[in-house]
Protein backbone atom coordinates (compact mmCIF):
# COMPACT_ATOMS: atom_id res chain seq x y z
CA GLY A 1 -0.38 -8.63 7.67
CA ILE A 2 3.16 -9.50 6.53
CA ALA A 3 1.96 -11.19 3.42
CA SER A 4 0.15 -7.74 2.74
CA VAL A 5 3.14 -5.78 3.03
CA VAL A 6 5.55 -7.96 0.97
CA ALA A 7 2.84 -8.22 -1.66
CA GLY A 8 2.31 -4.33 -2.09
CA HIS A 9 5.25 -2.51 -0.82
CA PRO A 10 6.82 -1.96 -4.16
CA LEU A 11 3.68 -0.29 -5.63
CA ASP A 12 3.27 1.56 -2.40
CA THR A 13 6.55 3.12 -2.90
CA VAL A 14 5.48 4.28 -6.67
CA LYS A 15 2.25 5.49 -5.24
CA THR A 16 3.78 7.65 -2.59
CA ARG A 17 6.35 8.98 -4.95
CA LEU A 18 3.67 10.07 -7.48
CA GLN A 19 1.45 11.64 -4.61
CA ALA A 20 4.07 13.61 -2.70
CA GLY A 21 6.92 13.74 -4.98
CA GLN A 22 7.91 15.96 -8.10
CA GLY A 23 9.09 15.31 -11.61
CA TYR A 24 7.86 11.53 -11.70
CA GLY A 25 5.27 12.14 -14.31
CA ASN A 26 3.07 9.15 -15.02
CA THR A 27 3.18 5.75 -13.31
CA PHE A 28 5.45 4.05 -16.07
CA LYS A 29 8.13 6.93 -15.85
CA CYS A 30 8.04 6.85 -12.12
CA VAL A 31 8.94 2.91 -12.11
CA LEU A 32 11.71 3.85 -14.26
CA THR A 33 13.15 6.63 -12.64
CA VAL A 34 13.26 4.88 -9.40
CA TYR A 35 14.82 1.85 -10.98
CA ARG A 36 17.43 4.00 -12.80
CA ASN A 37 18.32 6.14 -9.73
CA GLU A 38 18.04 3.51 -6.69
CA SER A 39 17.82 0.13 -8.52
CA VAL A 40 15.48 -2.59 -7.19
CA ALA A 41 16.07 -1.71 -3.54
CA GLY A 42 14.43 1.66 -4.03
CA PHE A 43 11.16 0.03 -4.34
CA PHE A 44 11.63 -1.36 -0.91
CA LYS A 45 12.56 1.63 0.93
CA GLY A 46 10.89 1.90 4.28
CA MET A 47 9.55 -1.45 4.35
CA SER A 48 11.19 -2.85 7.45
CA PHE A 49 9.13 -0.65 9.80
CA PRO A 50 5.76 -1.61 8.45
CA LEU A 51 7.02 -5.02 8.33
CA ALA A 52 7.93 -5.11 11.89
CA SER A 53 4.62 -3.48 13.11
CA ILE A 54 2.26 -4.81 10.87
CA GLY A 55 1.16 -7.81 12.87
CA ILE A 56 0.17 -5.64 15.67
CA TYR A 57 -1.72 -2.98 13.37
CA SER A 58 -3.55 -5.96 11.44
CA SER A 59 -4.54 -7.41 14.94
CA VAL A 60 -5.95 -4.08 16.02
CA VAL A 61 -8.11 -3.67 12.95
CA PHE A 62 -9.25 -7.28 12.40
CA GLY A 63 -9.73 -7.83 16.00
CA VAL A 64 -11.76 -4.62 16.80
CA TYR A 65 -14.06 -5.35 13.56
CA SER A 66 -14.78 -8.91 14.60
CA ASN A 67 -15.27 -8.25 18.11
CA THR A 68 -17.49 -5.30 17.38
CA LEU A 69 -19.59 -7.45 15.12
CA ARG A 70 -19.86 -10.26 17.75
CA LEU A 71 -20.93 -7.55 20.60
CA LEU A 72 -23.36 -6.17 18.17
CA SER A 73 -24.90 -9.40 17.30
CA GLN A 74 -25.07 -10.28 20.83
CA LEU A 75 -26.84 -6.77 21.67
CA ARG A 76 -29.27 -7.06 18.62
CA HIS A 77 -29.83 -10.91 18.30
CA ARG A 78 -28.67 -12.29 21.52
CA ASP A 79 -26.33 -14.42 19.67
CA PRO A 80 -22.60 -13.39 18.85
CA ALA A 81 -22.49 -15.94 16.18
CA ALA A 82 -25.52 -14.49 14.36
CA ALA A 83 -25.15 -13.35 10.66
CA PRO A 84 -24.32 -9.49 11.04
CA SER A 85 -26.49 -7.17 9.31
CA LEU A 86 -25.37 -4.20 6.94
CA ALA A 87 -25.78 -1.70 9.95
CA ASP A 88 -23.51 -3.87 12.16
CA MET A 89 -21.04 -4.07 9.52
CA THR A 90 -20.73 -0.33 8.92
CA VAL A 91 -20.60 0.38 12.71
CA ALA A 92 -17.74 -2.17 13.10
CA SER A 93 -15.99 -0.75 10.07
CA LEU A 94 -16.18 2.66 11.38
CA VAL A 95 -14.79 1.75 14.93
CA ALA A 96 -11.87 -0.26 13.36
CA GLY A 97 -10.95 2.81 11.28
CA VAL A 98 -11.04 5.17 13.93
CA LEU A 99 -9.01 2.89 16.42
CA SER A 100 -6.37 2.20 13.68
CA VAL A 101 -5.29 5.59 13.34
CA GLY A 102 -3.52 5.50 16.78
CA ILE A 103 -1.17 2.67 15.68
CA GLY A 104 -1.13 3.35 11.94
CA THR A 105 -0.11 7.07 11.75
CA PRO A 106 3.64 6.81 13.08
CA VAL A 107 4.17 3.56 11.02
CA GLU A 108 2.76 5.45 7.87
CA LEU A 109 4.98 8.53 8.79
CA VAL A 110 8.27 6.68 9.00
CA LYS A 111 7.48 4.52 6.10
CA ILE A 112 6.82 7.72 4.12
CA ARG A 113 9.54 9.65 5.17
CA LEU A 114 12.07 6.89 4.12
CA GLN A 115 10.30 6.39 0.88
CA MET A 116 10.71 10.18 0.00
CA GLN A 117 14.50 9.91 1.02
CA THR A 118 15.55 9.31 -2.60
CA GLN A 119 19.15 8.78 -1.86
CA PRO A 120 20.92 5.92 0.05
CA TYR A 121 22.47 7.11 3.38
CA THR A 122 26.28 6.78 3.64
CA LYS A 123 28.35 8.37 6.40
CA GLU A 124 31.30 9.17 4.20
CA SER A 125 29.33 11.08 1.42
CA VAL A 126 26.89 13.08 3.45
CA LYS A 127 26.43 14.89 6.66
CA LEU A 128 23.25 14.05 8.56
CA LYS A 129 22.36 17.58 8.95
CA SER A 130 21.99 18.25 5.29
CA THR A 131 18.59 19.28 4.26
CA ALA A 132 18.93 19.80 0.82
CA PRO A 133 16.50 17.85 -1.42
CA GLY A 134 17.66 14.62 -2.67
CA SER A 135 20.00 14.19 0.28
CA PRO A 136 19.61 11.48 2.89
CA VAL A 137 18.22 12.59 6.33
CA TYR A 138 17.57 9.36 7.96
CA ARG A 139 19.80 6.06 8.52
CA GLY A 140 16.89 3.91 8.96
CA PRO A 141 13.26 3.29 10.46
CA ILE A 142 14.63 3.75 14.20
CA HIS A 143 16.83 6.67 13.40
CA CYS A 144 13.90 8.32 11.35
CA PHE A 145 11.30 7.76 14.35
CA ARG A 146 13.87 9.09 16.89
CA THR A 147 14.69 12.07 14.89
CA ILE A 148 11.15 13.10 14.43
CA LEU A 149 10.22 12.48 18.04
CA GLN A 150 13.23 14.92 19.06
CA LYS A 151 12.40 17.51 16.53
CA GLU A 152 8.81 17.72 16.36
CA GLY A 153 7.57 15.89 19.55
CA ILE A 154 4.57 13.69 19.95
CA ALA A 155 2.57 15.87 17.51
CA GLY A 156 5.29 15.29 14.79
CA VAL A 157 4.84 11.61 15.24
CA TYR A 158 1.27 11.82 14.51
CA ARG A 159 1.60 14.37 11.71
CA GLY A 160 -1.32 13.53 9.15
CA ASN A 161 -3.55 11.83 11.74
CA VAL A 162 -6.71 13.92 10.55
CA ALA A 163 -6.09 13.00 6.83
CA MET A 164 -5.69 9.51 7.93
CA LEU A 165 -8.82 9.30 10.03
CA LEU A 166 -10.62 11.03 6.97
CA ARG A 167 -8.98 8.30 4.76
CA ASP A 168 -9.49 5.20 6.99
CA VAL A 169 -12.78 5.63 8.29
CA PRO A 170 -14.66 5.51 4.74
CA GLY A 171 -11.80 3.38 3.49
CA TYR A 172 -12.62 0.43 5.96
CA TYR A 173 -16.23 0.67 5.35
CA ALA A 174 -15.33 0.07 1.53
CA TYR A 175 -13.04 -2.71 2.66
CA PHE A 176 -14.88 -5.00 5.03
CA ILE A 177 -18.28 -4.72 3.48
CA PRO A 178 -17.47 -5.53 -0.12
CA TYR A 179 -15.48 -8.29 1.22
CA THR A 180 -18.11 -9.99 2.96
CA MET A 181 -20.87 -9.26 0.25
CA PHE A 182 -18.63 -10.57 -2.63
CA CYS A 183 -17.32 -13.60 -0.70
CA ASP A 184 -21.13 -14.80 0.21
CA TRP A 185 -21.95 -14.19 -3.51
CA ILE A 186 -18.95 -16.31 -4.89
CA THR A 187 -19.34 -19.02 -2.34
CA PRO A 188 -21.32 -22.13 -3.65
CA ASP A 189 -24.59 -22.65 -1.95
CA GLY A 190 -24.25 -25.12 0.86
CA SER A 191 -20.56 -24.48 1.71
CA ILE A 192 -20.09 -23.84 5.35
CA SER A 193 -17.33 -21.39 4.82
CA PRO A 194 -15.78 -19.76 1.82
CA ASN A 195 -12.78 -21.89 -0.01
CA PRO A 196 -9.39 -20.05 -0.25
CA PHE A 197 -9.84 -19.00 -3.97
CA SER A 198 -13.11 -17.22 -3.07
CA ILE A 199 -11.29 -15.49 0.02
CA TRP A 200 -8.35 -14.46 -2.20
CA VAL A 201 -10.75 -13.01 -4.83
CA ALA A 202 -13.18 -11.30 -2.44
CA GLY A 203 -10.20 -9.90 -0.75
CA GLY A 204 -8.40 -8.67 -3.84
CA VAL A 205 -11.66 -6.80 -5.01
CA ALA A 206 -12.50 -5.48 -1.71
CA GLY A 207 -8.88 -3.94 -1.52
CA ALA A 208 -9.14 -2.31 -5.15
CA VAL A 209 -12.50 -0.68 -4.18
CA SER A 210 -11.24 0.62 -0.95
CA TRP A 211 -8.23 2.11 -2.30
CA ALA A 212 -10.21 3.64 -5.10
CA VAL A 213 -12.39 5.24 -2.72
CA CYS A 214 -9.99 6.74 -0.23
CA THR A 215 -7.12 7.80 -2.70
CA PRO A 216 -8.07 11.52 -2.52
CA MET A 217 -7.57 11.67 1.13
CA ASP A 218 -4.53 9.24 0.66
CA VAL A 219 -2.87 12.03 -1.31
CA VAL A 220 -3.26 14.55 1.31
CA LYS A 221 -1.97 12.14 4.17
CA SER A 222 0.92 11.41 1.82
CA ARG A 223 1.96 14.92 1.19
CA LEU A 224 1.59 15.94 4.83
CA GLN A 225 3.69 13.23 6.15
CA ALA A 226 6.31 13.57 3.55
CA ASP A 227 6.36 17.43 4.41
CA GLY A 228 9.21 17.79 6.62
CA VAL A 229 11.75 15.55 5.48
CA TYR A 230 13.67 18.81 3.90
CA LEU A 231 11.30 21.54 4.66
CA ASN A 232 7.68 22.48 6.04
CA GLN A 233 5.12 23.51 3.36
CA TYR A 234 1.84 22.69 4.77
CA LYS A 235 0.21 23.95 8.10
CA GLY A 236 -2.58 21.18 8.37
CA THR A 237 -4.81 18.92 6.56
CA LEU A 238 -7.06 21.91 4.92
CA ASP A 239 -4.10 23.97 4.07
CA CYS A 240 -2.48 20.85 2.34
CA MET A 241 -5.91 20.54 0.43
CA LEU A 242 -6.11 24.23 -0.42
CA GLN A 243 -2.40 24.35 -1.86
CA SER A 244 -2.64 21.15 -3.68
CA TYR A 245 -5.86 22.16 -5.40
CA GLN A 246 -4.71 25.90 -6.01
CA ASN A 247 -1.37 24.51 -7.65
CA GLU A 248 -2.40 21.54 -9.60
CA GLY A 249 -6.29 21.49 -9.71
CA VAL A 250 -8.84 18.77 -8.84
CA LYS A 251 -6.80 16.07 -10.68
CA VAL A 252 -3.83 16.21 -7.93
CA PHE A 253 -6.35 14.29 -5.50
CA PHE A 254 -6.33 11.25 -7.91
CA ARG A 255 -2.66 10.96 -8.08
CA GLY A 256 -1.66 7.34 -7.87
CA LEU A 257 -5.33 6.06 -8.42
CA MET A 258 -4.41 3.36 -10.90
CA VAL A 259 -1.58 2.24 -8.84
CA ASN A 260 -3.45 2.23 -5.38
CA THR A 261 -6.27 0.32 -7.23
CA VAL A 262 -3.89 -2.23 -8.70
CA ARG A 263 -1.85 -2.54 -5.67
CA GLY A 264 -4.98 -3.13 -3.49
CA PHE A 265 -5.75 -6.50 -5.23
CA PRO A 266 -2.68 -8.49 -4.35
CA SER A 267 -1.96 -6.72 -1.04
CA SER A 268 -5.43 -7.00 0.33
CA ALA A 269 -6.06 -10.75 -1.30
CA ALA A 270 -2.92 -11.72 0.69
CA MET A 271 -4.16 -9.90 3.85
CA PHE A 272 -7.57 -11.63 3.91
CA LEU A 273 -6.14 -15.01 2.92
CA GLY A 274 -3.61 -15.00 5.50
CA TYR A 275 -6.07 -13.82 8.07
CA GLU A 276 -8.80 -16.44 7.33
CA LEU A 277 -6.35 -19.49 6.98
CA SER A 278 -4.62 -18.46 10.22
CA LEU A 279 -7.92 -18.20 11.92
CA LYS A 280 -9.01 -21.63 10.72
CA ALA A 281 -5.49 -23.12 11.60
CA MET A 282 -5.89 -21.75 15.12
CA LYS A 283 -9.52 -23.06 15.46
CA ARG A 284 -8.31 -26.32 14.39
CA CYS A 285 -5.45 -26.51 16.89
CA GLN A 286 -8.01 -25.49 19.73
CA THR A 287 -10.39 -28.25 18.78
CA GLU A 288 -7.75 -30.94 18.64
CA THR A 289 -6.33 -29.68 21.95
CA ASN A 290 -9.65 -29.36 23.53
CA PRO A 291 -12.06 -31.79 22.05
């Protein structure tokens, strides 16, 4: 999880600015604008909270997915180690997508609020109560979370959860299934398990496919969660979709598509490689400890 955040966060910031911000134009212009106004540090805004919580989040997603597969294999084939069918992988992906929202929504909310806060905070230059666009509102992730909780309650902490659900359920379907299929395809016949390169490539392809599929709802989620830094524009998921479509047309739902797809490769490649190698290392330790 940590490998995934470090590999993908700079492009995630660019993606969020393109989807929820104004005046950034295309991807290249957005990168230049962030760099000129905020230097390299601007690309890493909001990274600390996902970095601290990604271990729990990834454990839930991968743990729920793999254990659901084992349960289904046990029920259907009387063998938890049996090769899962496409139907099994579909159900496991959907369950993982639904349960991930409970942990993922607050993390994404804080990350996006900090990413959309376009100026660094200093006590000397700005008062905390200032809500003018461009003025900092939050000192950091903990202050951001506490402020949202105080002002908006639990509902505010889970702002955008419906959009995230609509993003993650099909997103994880297009994440785990392409990974499994592509991994099997590029693994040489006779190999017991895929080699690190096969895992890296399959994970990268799965990430690119998944983010391409869920970009439209990712735009809606980003806008809903960014809404509230300075003012409240949207009443909910449907209202956000309607306003976005009326103001900018269908093309608005594909904002950040290229960045999402490009970012999805290294981010997911790092995620799957870290997961598989960690799992192998732990199994090896168990074998050596309990031969």
